[in-house]
Amino acid sequence: MQTIVAITPTTLSDVARGLAQQMVLWGHDVRHADGNALVRFGLARRPSTGLTGTSCYAMPWENGLIELHGAVASWTAPAGGVGCIFSRDLCRIDLWDAARPPIPGRENGCAGTAEERWNASLPLLRWLVEYETWAYAALGDAWRTGTWRALKRLPKAKPWIPPHLALRWWKLALLGNPPRPKSLLSK
């Protein structure tokens, strides 16, 4: 029988660190030799609102909308629901309750309990697992490992855990039992 762990601010901190890493990996994916991997996965590319010279990648997901910008990842819930916004600069997941997606650099989400923010982030995390599963199949382990190595070489980089372990962590987290990420390094 599975034990469900209470969602704590530490869990949300782990998610935020993982999303910060993931956003850098997605940035590499847009420059894949076989073409923009985000577009190949099905996201539509357009200029980003609020940030000059950057792109936004968007796709419908779970009756809402996933949006990826250079500084923000979000899931906008259907009307009347509560979604989430992850700000890379703040390294925080907040609630997003507007009927339209957030404008990066201009809007932040709302505070909430750890449990509320966790629940609001679940569609984004399910999308992330779907994308990463596809990325491993379509782009290969060598690609994802290479993008992680490139992240580690960046000045001020704060790598989380290797991508294959990150995918395992995301899957465990979605089952309701997120371990501390570093615990996966010893297994």
N, C-alpha and C. Protein backbone atom coordinates (compact mmCIF):
# COMPACT_ATOMS: atom_id res chain seq x y z
N MET A 1 0.84 -1.19 0.00
CA MET A 1 0.00 0.00 0.00
C MET A 1 0.88 1.24 0.00
N GLN A 2 0.53 2.19 -0.84
CA GLN A 2 1.31 3.42 -0.99
C GLN A 2 0.97 4.41 0.11
N THR A 3 1.99 5.01 0.70
CA THR A 3 1.80 6.05 1.69
C THR A 3 1.90 7.40 1.01
N ILE A 4 0.91 8.23 1.16
CA ILE A 4 0.92 9.57 0.60
C ILE A 4 1.58 10.51 1.61
N VAL A 5 2.60 11.19 1.16
CA VAL A 5 3.32 12.12 2.01
C VAL A 5 2.66 13.49 1.92
N ALA A 6 2.54 14.15 3.05
CA ALA A 6 1.99 15.51 3.04
C ALA A 6 2.92 16.41 2.24
N ILE A 7 2.34 17.27 1.44
CA ILE A 7 3.13 18.19 0.64
C ILE A 7 3.59 19.34 1.54
N THR A 8 4.87 19.57 1.52
CA THR A 8 5.47 20.58 2.39
C THR A 8 6.12 21.66 1.53
N PRO A 9 6.49 22.77 2.14
CA PRO A 9 7.27 23.77 1.41
C PRO A 9 8.57 23.18 0.84
N THR A 10 9.15 22.20 1.52
CA THR A 10 10.37 21.55 1.00
C THR A 10 10.08 20.83 -0.31
N THR A 11 8.95 20.16 -0.39
CA THR A 11 8.57 19.50 -1.64
C THR A 11 8.43 20.52 -2.75
N LEU A 12 7.78 21.64 -2.46
CA LEU A 12 7.63 22.68 -3.48
C LEU A 12 8.97 23.28 -3.88
N SER A 13 9.88 23.37 -2.93
CA SER A 13 11.22 23.84 -3.24
C SER A 13 11.93 22.86 -4.19
N ASP A 14 11.75 21.57 -3.95
CA ASP A 14 12.31 20.55 -4.85
C ASP A 14 11.72 20.69 -6.26
N VAL A 15 10.41 20.88 -6.32
CA VAL A 15 9.75 21.06 -7.62
C VAL A 15 10.30 22.30 -8.32
N ALA A 16 10.45 23.38 -7.59
CA ALA A 16 10.95 24.63 -8.18
C ALA A 16 12.37 24.45 -8.71
N ARG A 17 13.22 23.79 -7.95
CA ARG A 17 14.59 23.55 -8.44
C ARG A 17 14.57 22.68 -9.69
N GLY A 18 13.69 21.68 -9.70
CA GLY A 18 13.57 20.82 -10.88
C GLY A 18 13.07 21.58 -12.08
N LEU A 19 12.08 22.44 -11.89
CA LEU A 19 11.56 23.23 -13.00
C LEU A 19 12.60 24.22 -13.52
N ALA A 20 13.37 24.80 -12.62
CA ALA A 20 14.42 25.73 -13.07
C ALA A 20 15.41 24.99 -13.97
N GLN A 21 15.80 23.79 -13.57
CA GLN A 21 16.69 23.00 -14.42
C GLN A 21 16.01 22.65 -15.73
N GLN A 22 14.76 22.24 -15.65
CA GLN A 22 14.03 21.80 -16.84
C GLN A 22 13.92 22.92 -17.87
N MET A 23 13.73 24.15 -17.41
CA MET A 23 13.60 25.26 -18.34
C MET A 23 14.88 25.45 -19.15
N VAL A 24 16.04 25.24 -18.54
CA VAL A 24 17.30 25.34 -19.28
C VAL A 24 17.38 24.21 -20.30
N LEU A 25 16.96 23.01 -19.91
CA LEU A 25 16.98 21.88 -20.84
C LEU A 25 16.05 22.14 -22.02
N TRP A 26 14.87 22.70 -21.76
CA TRP A 26 13.96 23.05 -22.86
C TRP A 26 14.58 24.08 -23.78
N GLY A 27 15.33 25.01 -23.20
CA GLY A 27 16.03 25.99 -24.03
C GLY A 27 16.99 25.34 -25.00
N HIS A 28 17.66 24.29 -24.59
CA HIS A 28 18.53 23.53 -25.49
C HIS A 28 17.71 22.77 -26.52
N ASP A 29 16.56 22.27 -26.11
CA ASP A 29 15.73 21.47 -27.03
C ASP A 29 15.26 22.27 -28.24
N VAL A 30 15.10 23.57 -28.09
CA VAL A 30 14.65 24.37 -29.24
C VAL A 30 15.73 24.45 -30.31
N ARG A 31 16.98 24.15 -29.93
CA ARG A 31 18.09 24.21 -30.88
C ARG A 31 18.57 22.82 -31.32
N HIS A 32 17.73 21.82 -31.20
CA HIS A 32 18.10 20.46 -31.58
C HIS A 32 18.43 20.40 -33.07
N ALA A 33 19.41 19.60 -33.45
CA ALA A 33 19.86 19.50 -34.85
C ALA A 33 18.75 19.06 -35.80
N ASP A 34 17.80 18.29 -35.33
CA ASP A 34 16.68 17.85 -36.18
C ASP A 34 15.50 18.81 -36.16
N GLY A 35 15.68 19.95 -35.56
CA GLY A 35 14.62 20.96 -35.49
C GLY A 35 14.13 21.14 -34.06
N ASN A 36 13.45 22.22 -33.85
CA ASN A 36 12.94 22.61 -32.54
C ASN A 36 12.10 21.47 -31.94
N ALA A 37 12.60 20.88 -30.87
CA ALA A 37 11.93 19.74 -30.26
C ALA A 37 10.59 20.12 -29.63
N LEU A 38 10.49 21.33 -29.09
CA LEU A 38 9.20 21.74 -28.51
C LEU A 38 8.12 21.80 -29.58
N VAL A 39 8.48 22.33 -30.73
CA VAL A 39 7.53 22.40 -31.85
C VAL A 39 7.22 20.99 -32.36
N ARG A 40 8.25 20.15 -32.45
CA ARG A 40 8.04 18.78 -32.90
C ARG A 40 7.10 18.02 -31.96
N PHE A 41 7.14 18.36 -30.68
CA PHE A 41 6.25 17.73 -29.70
C PHE A 41 4.81 18.22 -29.84
N GLY A 42 4.64 19.38 -30.44
CA GLY A 42 3.28 19.88 -30.65
C GLY A 42 3.00 21.25 -30.08
N LEU A 43 4.00 21.91 -29.51
CA LEU A 43 3.77 23.26 -29.01
C LEU A 43 3.83 24.25 -30.16
N ALA A 44 3.00 25.27 -30.10
CA ALA A 44 3.01 26.34 -31.10
C ALA A 44 3.94 27.44 -30.60
N ARG A 45 4.74 27.98 -31.53
CA ARG A 45 5.69 29.04 -31.18
C ARG A 45 5.15 30.38 -31.65
N ARG A 46 5.28 31.39 -30.78
CA ARG A 46 4.90 32.76 -31.12
C ARG A 46 5.76 33.70 -30.30
N PRO A 47 5.79 35.00 -30.64
CA PRO A 47 6.54 35.94 -29.79
C PRO A 47 5.95 35.97 -28.39
N SER A 48 6.81 36.12 -27.41
CA SER A 48 6.38 36.17 -26.02
C SER A 48 5.76 37.53 -25.70
N THR A 49 4.65 37.51 -25.01
CA THR A 49 4.07 38.76 -24.52
C THR A 49 4.86 39.19 -23.30
N GLY A 50 5.17 40.43 -23.21
CA GLY A 50 5.84 40.94 -22.03
C GLY A 50 7.35 40.93 -22.10
N LEU A 51 7.94 40.05 -22.86
CA LEU A 51 9.39 39.95 -22.95
C LEU A 51 9.81 40.13 -24.41
N THR A 52 10.57 41.15 -24.69
CA THR A 52 10.98 41.45 -26.05
C THR A 52 12.06 40.47 -26.51
N GLY A 53 11.92 40.00 -27.75
CA GLY A 53 12.94 39.17 -28.36
C GLY A 53 12.95 37.72 -27.92
N THR A 54 11.93 37.27 -27.21
CA THR A 54 11.86 35.87 -26.80
C THR A 54 10.60 35.23 -27.36
N SER A 55 10.55 33.93 -27.26
CA SER A 55 9.39 33.19 -27.78
C SER A 55 8.58 32.59 -26.64
N CYS A 56 7.35 32.29 -26.98
CA CYS A 56 6.45 31.56 -26.10
C CYS A 56 6.07 30.28 -26.84
N TYR A 57 6.06 29.19 -26.13
CA TYR A 57 5.61 27.91 -26.68
C TYR A 57 4.36 27.51 -25.90
N ALA A 58 3.31 27.19 -26.63
CA ALA A 58 2.03 26.91 -25.97
C ALA A 58 1.33 25.71 -26.59
N MET A 59 0.56 25.02 -25.76
CA MET A 59 -0.29 23.95 -26.25
C MET A 59 -1.42 23.71 -25.25
N PRO A 60 -2.57 23.30 -25.78
CA PRO A 60 -3.66 22.93 -24.88
C PRO A 60 -3.27 21.70 -24.06
N TRP A 61 -3.70 21.66 -22.81
CA TRP A 61 -3.40 20.53 -21.95
C TRP A 61 -4.42 20.46 -20.82
N GLU A 62 -5.06 19.33 -20.67
CA GLU A 62 -6.03 19.09 -19.61
C GLU A 62 -7.05 20.22 -19.50
N ASN A 63 -7.63 20.57 -20.61
CA ASN A 63 -8.66 21.62 -20.71
C ASN A 63 -8.14 23.01 -20.37
N GLY A 64 -6.84 23.16 -20.22
CA GLY A 64 -6.22 24.45 -19.96
C GLY A 64 -5.15 24.71 -20.99
N LEU A 65 -4.13 25.47 -20.62
CA LEU A 65 -3.08 25.85 -21.56
C LEU A 65 -1.72 25.84 -20.88
N ILE A 66 -0.80 25.10 -21.47
CA ILE A 66 0.61 25.12 -21.05
C ILE A 66 1.28 26.25 -21.81
N GLU A 67 2.08 27.07 -21.13
CA GLU A 67 2.91 28.06 -21.80
C GLU A 67 4.31 28.01 -21.21
N LEU A 68 5.30 28.03 -22.11
CA LEU A 68 6.70 28.06 -21.72
C LEU A 68 7.32 29.32 -22.30
N HIS A 69 7.90 30.13 -21.45
CA HIS A 69 8.65 31.31 -21.84
C HIS A 69 10.06 31.13 -21.31
N GLY A 70 10.96 32.01 -21.63
CA GLY A 70 12.31 31.91 -21.10
C GLY A 70 12.36 32.05 -19.59
N ALA A 71 11.43 32.81 -19.01
CA ALA A 71 11.48 33.09 -17.58
C ALA A 71 10.30 32.51 -16.80
N VAL A 72 9.31 31.97 -17.50
CA VAL A 72 8.08 31.53 -16.85
C VAL A 72 7.57 30.26 -17.52
N ALA A 73 7.08 29.34 -16.71
CA ALA A 73 6.32 28.18 -17.21
C ALA A 73 4.98 28.22 -16.47
N SER A 74 3.90 27.97 -17.19
CA SER A 74 2.59 28.06 -16.52
C SER A 74 1.61 27.07 -17.11
N TRP A 75 0.60 26.78 -16.30
CA TRP A 75 -0.59 26.08 -16.76
C TRP A 75 -1.76 26.94 -16.34
N THR A 76 -2.49 27.43 -17.35
CA THR A 76 -3.68 28.23 -17.10
C THR A 76 -4.87 27.29 -17.10
N ALA A 77 -5.59 27.28 -16.00
CA ALA A 77 -6.74 26.38 -15.83
C ALA A 77 -7.93 26.86 -16.66
N PRO A 78 -8.87 25.96 -16.94
CA PRO A 78 -10.10 26.42 -17.59
C PRO A 78 -10.83 27.41 -16.69
N ALA A 79 -11.73 28.17 -17.27
CA ALA A 79 -12.46 29.21 -16.54
C ALA A 79 -13.00 28.67 -15.22
N GLY A 80 -12.73 29.43 -14.16
CA GLY A 80 -13.20 29.07 -12.83
C GLY A 80 -12.22 28.19 -12.06
N GLY A 81 -11.17 27.71 -12.71
CA GLY A 81 -10.19 26.86 -12.04
C GLY A 81 -8.97 27.63 -11.61
N VAL A 82 -8.06 26.94 -10.97
CA VAL A 82 -6.82 27.56 -10.51
C VAL A 82 -5.65 26.80 -11.13
N GLY A 83 -4.81 27.54 -11.82
CA GLY A 83 -3.62 26.98 -12.44
C GLY A 83 -2.39 27.37 -11.64
N CYS A 84 -1.25 27.31 -12.31
CA CYS A 84 0.00 27.64 -11.62
C CYS A 84 0.92 28.43 -12.54
N ILE A 85 1.84 29.13 -11.91
CA ILE A 85 2.88 29.85 -12.62
C ILE A 85 4.19 29.58 -11.89
N PHE A 86 5.21 29.22 -12.65
CA PHE A 86 6.55 29.06 -12.10
C PHE A 86 7.40 30.17 -12.68
N SER A 87 7.96 30.99 -11.81
CA SER A 87 8.85 32.07 -12.21
C SER A 87 10.28 31.62 -11.94
N ARG A 88 11.08 31.54 -13.00
CA ARG A 88 12.46 31.09 -12.83
C ARG A 88 13.26 32.07 -11.97
N ASP A 89 13.03 33.36 -12.13
CA ASP A 89 13.76 34.35 -11.34
C ASP A 89 13.45 34.24 -9.85
N LEU A 90 12.20 33.98 -9.52
CA LEU A 90 11.80 33.85 -8.12
C LEU A 90 12.01 32.43 -7.60
N CYS A 91 12.16 31.48 -8.52
CA CYS A 91 12.28 30.05 -8.22
C CYS A 91 11.15 29.62 -7.28
N ARG A 92 9.92 29.92 -7.74
CA ARG A 92 8.76 29.66 -6.90
C ARG A 92 7.55 29.31 -7.76
N ILE A 93 6.73 28.43 -7.24
CA ILE A 93 5.46 28.08 -7.87
C ILE A 93 4.36 28.81 -7.11
N ASP A 94 3.55 29.53 -7.86
CA ASP A 94 2.42 30.23 -7.26
C ASP A 94 1.14 29.84 -7.98
N LEU A 95 0.03 30.26 -7.40
CA LEU A 95 -1.28 30.00 -8.00
C LEU A 95 -1.54 31.03 -9.09
N TRP A 96 -2.25 30.60 -10.13
CA TRP A 96 -2.66 31.50 -11.20
C TRP A 96 -4.14 31.30 -11.42
N ASP A 97 -4.95 32.32 -11.08
CA ASP A 97 -6.40 32.15 -11.14
C ASP A 97 -7.08 33.01 -12.21
N ALA A 98 -6.31 33.63 -13.07
CA ALA A 98 -6.91 34.40 -14.17
C ALA A 98 -7.34 33.46 -15.29
N ALA A 99 -8.25 33.92 -16.11
CA ALA A 99 -8.76 33.11 -17.23
C ALA A 99 -7.82 33.14 -18.43
N ARG A 100 -6.79 33.96 -18.37
CA ARG A 100 -5.81 34.05 -19.46
C ARG A 100 -4.42 33.77 -18.89
N PRO A 101 -3.47 33.40 -19.74
CA PRO A 101 -2.11 33.12 -19.26
C PRO A 101 -1.43 34.37 -18.69
N PRO A 102 -0.47 34.17 -17.80
CA PRO A 102 0.26 35.30 -17.23
C PRO A 102 1.17 35.96 -18.27
N ILE A 103 1.45 37.23 -18.06
CA ILE A 103 2.39 37.95 -18.91
C ILE A 103 3.73 37.97 -18.18
N PRO A 104 4.73 37.26 -18.73
CA PRO A 104 6.03 37.18 -18.06
C PRO A 104 6.65 38.56 -17.85
N GLY A 105 7.27 38.73 -16.71
CA GLY A 105 7.93 39.99 -16.40
C GLY A 105 6.99 41.04 -15.88
N ARG A 106 5.69 40.81 -15.99
CA ARG A 106 4.71 41.80 -15.53
C ARG A 106 3.78 41.26 -14.45
N GLU A 107 3.57 39.96 -14.46
CA GLU A 107 2.60 39.38 -13.53
C GLU A 107 3.20 38.18 -12.81
N ASN A 108 2.87 38.10 -11.54
CA ASN A 108 3.22 36.94 -10.73
C ASN A 108 1.93 36.32 -10.25
N GLY A 109 2.04 35.15 -9.70
CA GLY A 109 0.85 34.47 -9.21
C GLY A 109 0.49 34.91 -7.81
N CYS A 110 -0.43 34.16 -7.22
CA CYS A 110 -0.92 34.42 -5.88
C CYS A 110 -0.33 33.40 -4.91
N ALA A 111 -0.20 33.80 -3.67
CA ALA A 111 0.27 32.89 -2.63
C ALA A 111 -0.82 31.86 -2.33
N GLY A 112 -0.41 30.79 -1.74
CA GLY A 112 -1.34 29.74 -1.32
C GLY A 112 -0.59 28.78 -0.43
N THR A 113 -1.31 27.85 0.15
CA THR A 113 -0.66 26.84 0.97
C THR A 113 0.17 25.93 0.07
N ALA A 114 1.06 25.18 0.69
CA ALA A 114 1.87 24.23 -0.07
C ALA A 114 0.96 23.25 -0.81
N GLU A 115 -0.07 22.78 -0.14
CA GLU A 115 -1.01 21.82 -0.74
C GLU A 115 -1.74 22.45 -1.94
N GLU A 116 -2.19 23.69 -1.81
CA GLU A 116 -2.88 24.37 -2.91
C GLU A 116 -1.96 24.55 -4.12
N ARG A 117 -0.73 24.98 -3.85
CA ARG A 117 0.21 25.20 -4.96
C ARG A 117 0.61 23.89 -5.60
N TRP A 118 0.78 22.83 -4.80
CA TRP A 118 1.09 21.51 -5.33
C TRP A 118 -0.04 21.04 -6.26
N ASN A 119 -1.27 21.10 -5.77
CA ASN A 119 -2.42 20.64 -6.57
C ASN A 119 -2.55 21.43 -7.86
N ALA A 120 -2.31 22.73 -7.80
CA ALA A 120 -2.40 23.57 -9.00
C ALA A 120 -1.30 23.25 -9.99
N SER A 121 -0.16 22.77 -9.50
CA SER A 121 0.96 22.47 -10.40
C SER A 121 0.89 21.10 -11.05
N LEU A 122 0.01 20.24 -10.59
CA LEU A 122 -0.03 18.86 -11.10
C LEU A 122 -0.23 18.76 -12.61
N PRO A 123 -1.12 19.55 -13.24
CA PRO A 123 -1.21 19.45 -14.70
C PRO A 123 0.11 19.80 -15.40
N LEU A 124 0.81 20.82 -14.92
CA LEU A 124 2.10 21.18 -15.50
C LEU A 124 3.10 20.03 -15.32
N LEU A 125 3.10 19.41 -14.16
CA LEU A 125 4.03 18.30 -13.91
C LEU A 125 3.68 17.07 -14.74
N ARG A 126 2.39 16.82 -14.93
CA ARG A 126 2.00 15.69 -15.81
C ARG A 126 2.44 15.96 -17.24
N TRP A 127 2.31 17.22 -17.68
CA TRP A 127 2.78 17.58 -19.02
C TRP A 127 4.29 17.39 -19.11
N LEU A 128 5.03 17.82 -18.10
CA LEU A 128 6.48 17.69 -18.08
C LEU A 128 6.88 16.21 -18.23
N VAL A 129 6.22 15.32 -17.50
CA VAL A 129 6.53 13.89 -17.61
C VAL A 129 6.23 13.39 -19.02
N GLU A 130 5.12 13.80 -19.58
CA GLU A 130 4.77 13.40 -20.95
C GLU A 130 5.83 13.88 -21.94
N TYR A 131 6.23 15.15 -21.80
CA TYR A 131 7.25 15.70 -22.71
C TYR A 131 8.58 14.98 -22.53
N GLU A 132 9.05 14.82 -21.31
CA GLU A 132 10.35 14.20 -21.08
C GLU A 132 10.37 12.75 -21.54
N THR A 133 9.27 12.04 -21.35
CA THR A 133 9.18 10.66 -21.85
C THR A 133 9.33 10.66 -23.36
N TRP A 134 8.65 11.58 -24.02
CA TRP A 134 8.77 11.72 -25.48
C TRP A 134 10.20 12.11 -25.85
N ALA A 135 10.78 13.06 -25.14
CA ALA A 135 12.12 13.55 -25.46
C ALA A 135 13.15 12.42 -25.40
N TYR A 136 13.05 11.57 -24.38
CA TYR A 136 13.99 10.45 -24.31
C TYR A 136 13.82 9.52 -25.51
N ALA A 137 12.58 9.29 -25.93
CA ALA A 137 12.33 8.39 -27.07
C ALA A 137 12.75 9.04 -28.39
N ALA A 138 12.45 10.32 -28.56
CA ALA A 138 12.68 10.99 -29.85
C ALA A 138 14.08 11.58 -29.98
N LEU A 139 14.63 12.09 -28.89
CA LEU A 139 15.92 12.78 -28.94
C LEU A 139 17.06 11.91 -28.42
N GLY A 140 16.74 10.98 -27.56
CA GLY A 140 17.72 10.04 -27.05
C GLY A 140 18.35 10.47 -25.72
N ASP A 141 18.84 9.47 -25.02
CA ASP A 141 19.49 9.69 -23.74
C ASP A 141 20.74 10.56 -23.88
N ALA A 142 21.49 10.35 -24.96
CA ALA A 142 22.73 11.13 -25.15
C ALA A 142 22.41 12.62 -25.28
N TRP A 143 21.32 12.96 -25.94
CA TRP A 143 20.93 14.37 -26.08
C TRP A 143 20.62 14.98 -24.72
N ARG A 144 19.75 14.32 -23.96
CA ARG A 144 19.33 14.89 -22.68
C ARG A 144 20.52 14.97 -21.72
N THR A 145 21.36 13.94 -21.71
CA THR A 145 22.55 13.98 -20.86
C THR A 145 23.47 15.12 -21.28
N GLY A 146 23.61 15.33 -22.58
CA GLY A 146 24.44 16.43 -23.08
C GLY A 146 23.90 17.79 -22.70
N THR A 147 22.57 17.95 -22.72
CA THR A 147 21.99 19.24 -22.33
C THR A 147 22.23 19.50 -20.84
N TRP A 148 22.19 18.44 -20.04
CA TRP A 148 22.44 18.59 -18.61
C TRP A 148 23.91 18.95 -18.36
N ARG A 149 24.80 18.33 -19.10
CA ARG A 149 26.23 18.68 -18.96
C ARG A 149 26.47 20.14 -19.34
N ALA A 150 25.79 20.59 -20.39
CA ALA A 150 25.91 22.00 -20.80
C ALA A 150 25.41 22.92 -19.69
N LEU A 151 24.32 22.54 -19.04
CA LEU A 151 23.79 23.32 -17.91
C LEU A 151 24.82 23.40 -16.80
N LYS A 152 25.47 22.29 -16.50
CA LYS A 152 26.45 22.26 -15.41
C LYS A 152 27.64 23.18 -15.68
N ARG A 153 27.92 23.44 -16.96
CA ARG A 153 29.06 24.31 -17.31
C ARG A 153 28.72 25.79 -17.27
N LEU A 154 27.45 26.13 -17.14
CA LEU A 154 27.06 27.54 -17.12
C LEU A 154 27.54 28.22 -15.84
N PRO A 155 27.98 29.48 -15.97
CA PRO A 155 28.34 30.22 -14.74
C PRO A 155 27.09 30.33 -13.85
N LYS A 156 27.29 30.20 -12.59
CA LYS A 156 26.20 30.28 -11.60
C LYS A 156 25.15 29.19 -11.77
N ALA A 157 25.50 28.11 -12.48
CA ALA A 157 24.54 27.02 -12.68
C ALA A 157 24.22 26.34 -11.35
N LYS A 158 22.99 25.92 -11.23
CA LYS A 158 22.56 25.18 -10.05
C LYS A 158 21.86 23.91 -10.53
N PRO A 159 22.65 22.95 -11.05
CA PRO A 159 22.00 21.72 -11.51
C PRO A 159 21.31 21.00 -10.36
N TRP A 160 20.23 20.38 -10.68
CA TRP A 160 19.40 19.68 -9.70
C TRP A 160 19.89 18.24 -9.60
N ILE A 161 19.32 17.34 -10.34
CA ILE A 161 19.78 15.95 -10.41
C ILE A 161 19.81 15.57 -11.89
N PRO A 162 20.59 14.55 -12.25
CA PRO A 162 20.67 14.15 -13.66
C PRO A 162 19.28 13.90 -14.25
N PRO A 163 19.09 14.18 -15.53
CA PRO A 163 17.77 14.11 -16.14
C PRO A 163 17.06 12.76 -16.01
N HIS A 164 17.78 11.65 -16.14
CA HIS A 164 17.09 10.36 -16.02
C HIS A 164 16.55 10.16 -14.60
N LEU A 165 17.26 10.67 -13.60
CA LEU A 165 16.76 10.61 -12.23
C LEU A 165 15.66 11.64 -12.00
N ALA A 166 15.78 12.78 -12.67
CA ALA A 166 14.72 13.80 -12.56
C ALA A 166 13.39 13.24 -13.08
N LEU A 167 13.43 12.55 -14.21
CA LEU A 167 12.19 11.97 -14.74
C LEU A 167 11.62 10.95 -13.75
N ARG A 168 12.49 10.17 -13.17
CA ARG A 168 12.03 9.21 -12.14
C ARG A 168 11.41 9.94 -10.97
N TRP A 169 12.05 11.05 -10.53
CA TRP A 169 11.52 11.82 -9.41
C TRP A 169 10.15 12.39 -9.75
N TRP A 170 10.01 12.98 -10.96
CA TRP A 170 8.72 13.56 -11.35
C TRP A 170 7.63 12.50 -11.29
N LYS A 171 7.94 11.30 -11.78
CA LYS A 171 6.94 10.21 -11.77
C LYS A 171 6.57 9.82 -10.35
N LEU A 172 7.58 9.69 -9.48
CA LEU A 172 7.30 9.37 -8.07
C LEU A 172 6.49 10.49 -7.41
N ALA A 173 6.83 11.72 -7.71
CA ALA A 173 6.10 12.86 -7.14
C ALA A 173 4.64 12.82 -7.54
N LEU A 174 4.37 12.49 -8.80
CA LEU A 174 2.99 12.45 -9.26
C LEU A 174 2.20 11.31 -8.63
N LEU A 175 2.90 10.29 -8.14
CA LEU A 175 2.23 9.21 -7.40
C LEU A 175 1.89 9.62 -5.98
N GLY A 176 2.37 10.81 -5.57
CA GLY A 176 2.06 11.32 -4.24
C GLY A 176 3.11 10.99 -3.21
N ASN A 177 4.26 10.49 -3.64
CA ASN A 177 5.31 10.12 -2.69
C ASN A 177 6.65 10.66 -3.15
N PRO A 178 6.80 11.99 -3.20
CA PRO A 178 8.06 12.54 -3.69
C PRO A 178 9.19 12.42 -2.67
N PRO A 179 10.23 11.64 -3.00
CA PRO A 179 11.38 11.56 -2.09
C PRO A 179 12.22 12.82 -2.23
N ARG A 180 13.16 13.01 -1.35
CA ARG A 180 14.13 14.08 -1.56
C ARG A 180 14.94 13.70 -2.79
N PRO A 181 15.14 14.61 -3.74
CA PRO A 181 15.82 14.28 -4.99
C PRO A 181 17.20 13.65 -4.81
N LYS A 182 17.98 14.16 -3.87
CA LYS A 182 19.34 13.64 -3.69
C LYS A 182 19.32 12.17 -3.25
N SER A 183 18.21 11.71 -2.67
CA SER A 183 18.15 10.31 -2.25
C SER A 183 18.20 9.36 -3.44
N LEU A 184 17.83 9.85 -4.62
CA LEU A 184 17.87 9.01 -5.82
C LEU A 184 19.29 8.82 -6.33
N LEU A 185 20.20 9.69 -5.94
CA LEU A 185 21.59 9.60 -6.42
C LEU A 185 22.30 8.36 -5.90
N SER A 186 21.90 7.87 -4.74
CA SER A 186 22.58 6.73 -4.15
C SER A 186 21.99 5.40 -4.58
N LYS A 187 20.92 5.43 -5.37
CA LYS A 187 20.27 4.17 -5.76
C LYS A 187 20.74 3.70 -7.11
